[in-house]
Protein backbone atom coordinates (compact mmCIF):
# COMPACT_ATOMS: atom_id res chain seq x y z
CA UNK A 1 -88.99 195.32 -162.08
CA UNK A 2 -91.06 195.52 -158.91
CA UNK A 3 -90.42 194.82 -155.27
CA UNK A 4 -91.36 191.15 -155.12
CA UNK A 5 -89.50 189.47 -152.31
CA UNK A 6 -88.55 185.86 -152.66
CA UNK A 7 -87.85 183.70 -149.69
CA UNK A 8 -84.93 181.37 -150.13
CA UNK A 9 -86.04 177.74 -149.92
CA UNK A 10 -85.43 176.12 -146.56
CA UNK A 11 -82.86 173.34 -146.36
CA UNK A 12 -84.10 169.77 -146.11
CA UNK A 13 -84.91 168.64 -142.58
CA UNK A 14 -82.15 166.62 -140.94
CA UNK A 15 -83.19 163.47 -139.10
CA UNK A 16 -81.41 162.11 -136.04
CA UNK A 17 -78.24 160.16 -136.79
CA UNK A 18 -79.42 157.21 -134.75
CA UNK A 19 -82.85 155.92 -133.72
CA UNK A 20 -83.10 152.37 -132.44
CA UNK A 21 -86.33 151.08 -134.00
CA UNK A 22 -86.96 148.56 -131.20
CA UNK A 23 -86.50 151.19 -128.46
CA UNK A 24 -88.90 153.54 -130.28
CA UNK A 25 -91.71 150.98 -130.07
CA UNK A 26 -94.36 151.40 -127.38
CA UNK A 27 -96.76 154.12 -126.29
CA UNK A 28 -96.32 157.80 -127.16
CA UNK A 29 -98.57 160.66 -126.03
CA UNK A 30 -98.86 163.62 -128.40
CA UNK A 31 -97.94 166.66 -126.29
CA UNK A 32 -97.66 169.34 -128.97
CA UNK A 33 -98.69 169.42 -132.62
CA UNK A 34 -98.62 171.49 -135.77
CA UNK A 35 -101.80 169.71 -136.75
CA UNK A 36 -103.20 167.78 -139.65
CA UNK A 37 -106.91 168.21 -140.34
CA UNK A 38 -107.92 165.58 -137.74
CA UNK A 39 -105.75 167.12 -135.01
CA UNK A 40 -106.93 170.74 -134.96
CA UNK A 41 -109.01 170.34 -131.77
CA UNK A 42 -108.31 166.77 -130.66
CA UNK A 43 -107.29 165.64 -127.17
CA UNK A 44 -105.85 162.61 -125.38
CA UNK A 45 -103.93 161.68 -128.53
CA UNK A 46 -101.97 158.45 -128.12
CA UNK A 47 -99.91 156.51 -130.63
CA UNK A 48 -98.84 152.92 -129.98
CA UNK A 49 -96.02 151.51 -132.13
CA UNK A 50 -95.24 147.81 -132.47
CA UNK A 51 -92.99 145.82 -134.77
CA UNK A 52 -94.89 144.06 -137.54
CA UNK A 53 -94.55 140.36 -138.15
CA UNK A 54 -91.72 139.39 -140.48
CA UNK A 55 -94.30 138.09 -142.95
CA UNK A 56 -95.97 141.52 -143.21
CA UNK A 57 -95.15 143.87 -146.08
CA UNK A 58 -94.51 146.73 -143.63
CA UNK A 59 -92.16 147.13 -140.65
CA UNK A 60 -94.29 148.86 -138.00
CA UNK A 61 -97.92 148.88 -136.85
CA UNK A 62 -99.14 152.24 -135.57
CA UNK A 63 -102.34 152.54 -133.57
CA UNK A 64 -103.30 156.24 -133.29
CA UNK A 65 -106.31 156.98 -131.09
CA UNK A 66 -107.59 160.38 -130.06
CA UNK A 67 -110.66 162.07 -128.71
CA UNK A 68 -112.22 164.14 -131.49
CA UNK A 69 -112.35 167.30 -129.37
CA UNK A 70 -112.91 167.38 -125.59
CA UNK A 71 -111.06 164.77 -123.56
CA UNK A 72 -113.11 161.83 -122.32
CA UNK A 73 -116.54 163.18 -123.42
CA UNK A 74 -116.01 163.49 -127.18
CA UNK A 75 -115.98 160.45 -129.50
CA UNK A 76 -112.83 158.36 -129.61
CA UNK A 77 -111.39 158.10 -133.12
CA UNK A 78 -109.00 155.41 -134.28
CA UNK A 79 -106.55 155.78 -137.17
CA UNK A 80 -104.56 152.55 -137.67
CA UNK A 81 -101.49 153.08 -139.83
CA UNK A 82 -98.56 151.14 -141.25
CA UNK A 83 -94.94 152.23 -141.14
CA UNK A 84 -91.73 151.45 -143.01
CA UNK A 85 -88.20 152.16 -141.88
CA UNK A 86 -86.82 154.00 -144.90
CA UNK A 87 -83.37 152.43 -145.01
CA UNK A 88 -81.85 149.93 -147.41
CA UNK A 89 -78.98 149.26 -145.02
CA UNK A 90 -80.35 148.89 -141.50
CA UNK A 91 -84.05 148.73 -140.61
CA UNK A 92 -83.13 148.52 -136.91
CA UNK A 93 -81.65 152.02 -136.76
CA UNK A 94 -82.93 154.95 -138.83
CA UNK A 95 -84.55 158.33 -138.28
CA UNK A 96 -86.27 158.21 -141.65
CA UNK A 97 -89.56 156.36 -141.96
CA UNK A 98 -92.63 156.36 -144.16
CA UNK A 99 -96.17 156.07 -142.78
CA UNK A 100 -99.36 155.10 -144.56
CA UNK A 101 -102.67 156.31 -143.15
CA UNK A 102 -104.36 154.47 -146.05
CA UNK A 103 -103.28 152.56 -149.13
CA UNK A 104 -101.60 153.57 -151.44
CA UNK A 105 -100.38 156.75 -149.68
CA UNK A 106 -96.95 156.68 -148.00
CA UNK A 107 -95.93 159.89 -146.25
CA UNK A 108 -92.50 160.90 -144.92
CA UNK A 109 -92.09 160.48 -141.17
CA UNK A 110 -88.91 162.23 -140.08
CA UNK A 111 -87.56 161.70 -136.57
CA UNK A 112 -85.94 165.08 -135.90
CA UNK A 113 -85.22 164.67 -132.19
CA UNK A 114 -85.20 161.70 -129.83
CA UNK A 115 -84.03 161.21 -126.28
CA UNK A 116 -81.27 158.81 -127.26
CA UNK A 117 -80.76 157.52 -123.72
CA UNK A 118 -84.21 156.53 -122.45
CA UNK A 119 -86.42 157.34 -125.46
CA UNK A 120 -88.64 159.51 -123.24
CA UNK A 121 -89.39 162.14 -125.91
CA UNK A 122 -89.33 162.56 -129.66
CA UNK A 123 -90.07 165.19 -132.29
CA UNK A 124 -91.46 164.15 -135.66
CA UNK A 125 -91.32 166.43 -138.69
CA UNK A 126 -92.64 166.63 -142.23
CA UNK A 127 -90.51 167.83 -145.20
CA UNK A 128 -92.65 170.90 -146.02
CA UNK A 129 -92.73 171.81 -142.30
CA UNK A 130 -96.54 171.92 -142.47
CA UNK A 131 -96.82 169.37 -139.63
CA UNK A 132 -94.87 168.48 -136.49
CA UNK A 133 -95.41 166.38 -133.38
CA UNK A 134 -93.80 166.50 -129.95
CA UNK A 135 -94.41 163.23 -128.12
CA UNK A 136 -93.56 161.74 -124.73
CA UNK A 137 -93.94 158.40 -122.99
CA UNK A 138 -96.37 159.88 -120.45
CA UNK A 139 -99.21 162.41 -120.86
CA UNK A 140 -97.26 165.03 -118.91
CA UNK A 141 -93.97 166.48 -120.14
CA UNK A 142 -91.65 168.60 -118.04
CA UNK A 143 -92.14 172.24 -119.14
CA UNK A 144 -88.39 172.82 -119.61
CA UNK A 145 -88.14 169.81 -121.93
CA UNK A 146 -91.20 170.94 -123.87
CA UNK A 147 -89.84 174.49 -124.23
CA UNK A 148 -86.45 173.11 -125.37
CA UNK A 149 -88.10 170.96 -128.07
CA UNK A 150 -90.30 173.82 -129.29
CA UNK A 151 -87.20 176.03 -129.49
CA UNK A 152 -85.35 173.34 -131.49
CA UNK A 153 -88.27 173.07 -133.91
CA UNK A 154 -88.16 176.81 -134.48
CA UNK A 155 -84.42 177.48 -134.46
CA UNK A 156 -82.66 174.27 -135.48
CA UNK A 157 -85.33 172.91 -137.85
CA UNK A 158 -86.58 176.34 -139.04
CA UNK A 159 -90.27 175.69 -138.43
CA UNK A 160 -92.83 178.47 -138.49
CA UNK A 161 -94.85 177.55 -135.41
CA UNK A 162 -97.95 179.47 -136.39
CA UNK A 163 -100.81 177.09 -135.55
CA UNK A 164 -98.69 174.91 -133.25
CA UNK A 165 -100.60 173.95 -130.11
CA UNK A 166 -100.39 171.88 -126.97
CA UNK A 167 -102.64 168.82 -127.06
CA UNK A 168 -104.90 168.47 -124.02
CA UNK A 169 -104.02 165.31 -122.11
CA UNK A 170 -106.64 164.86 -119.37
CA UNK A 171 -107.10 161.38 -117.96
CA UNK A 172 -109.30 159.72 -115.34
CA UNK A 173 -108.87 156.23 -113.94
CA UNK A 174 -111.88 155.10 -115.97
CA UNK A 175 -110.55 156.56 -119.24
CA UNK A 176 -107.07 155.18 -118.56
CA UNK A 177 -108.49 151.67 -118.06
CA UNK A 178 -110.85 151.93 -121.04
CA UNK A 179 -107.89 152.77 -123.29
CA UNK A 180 -105.67 150.02 -121.79
CA UNK A 181 -103.13 152.44 -120.31
CA UNK A 182 -103.18 151.38 -116.64
CA UNK A 183 -99.50 150.43 -116.71
CA UNK A 184 -98.50 153.57 -118.64
CA UNK A 185 -100.20 156.50 -116.87
CA UNK A 186 -99.34 156.79 -113.16
CA UNK A 187 -102.02 157.92 -110.72
CA UNK A 188 -100.29 161.26 -110.08
CA UNK A 189 -100.84 162.20 -113.74
CA UNK A 190 -104.61 161.72 -113.58
CA UNK A 191 -106.87 164.78 -113.69
CA UNK A 192 -109.13 163.17 -111.11
CA UNK A 193 -108.63 160.08 -109.02
CA UNK A 194 -112.05 158.57 -109.95
């Protein structure tokens, strides 16, 4: 009957057992990405998470800003999004969220890895494994940590990392101030001291 080979379906991605929603809030720099269409050549990608007001219909505000291509010189794009903690039991602690880049779309947002002590890094996945994000609290991640997270994506979460890339994070004092990140990016992480 032919030599057609069928790949067995991959198991569902497993989210972290615990993710404190309040500790997750704040600024995250995208360090590595298996990109969506808007992230194929972007740079200086930053996501800022904040808890929504109790009167809002969603749980989390997400402010995603990125340079379209080259850092600093290319246009800055903004993609505001809304998030929901996908838990009937406890919205303060879950690794399963949904994110809406625009109404009425709600996409899965799976927290696959998180530094559960200081919340210094995280890895976000997507059920089909078409997309993934490695993020950190600063624009520079220790190479050993980055390599460990990439290895976990590939081995533990069974991602094909074809197309995965490091996101350029290149900051000047002027760009840091313009984006309101003076208290987040230390001087020693700036590309130039201007």
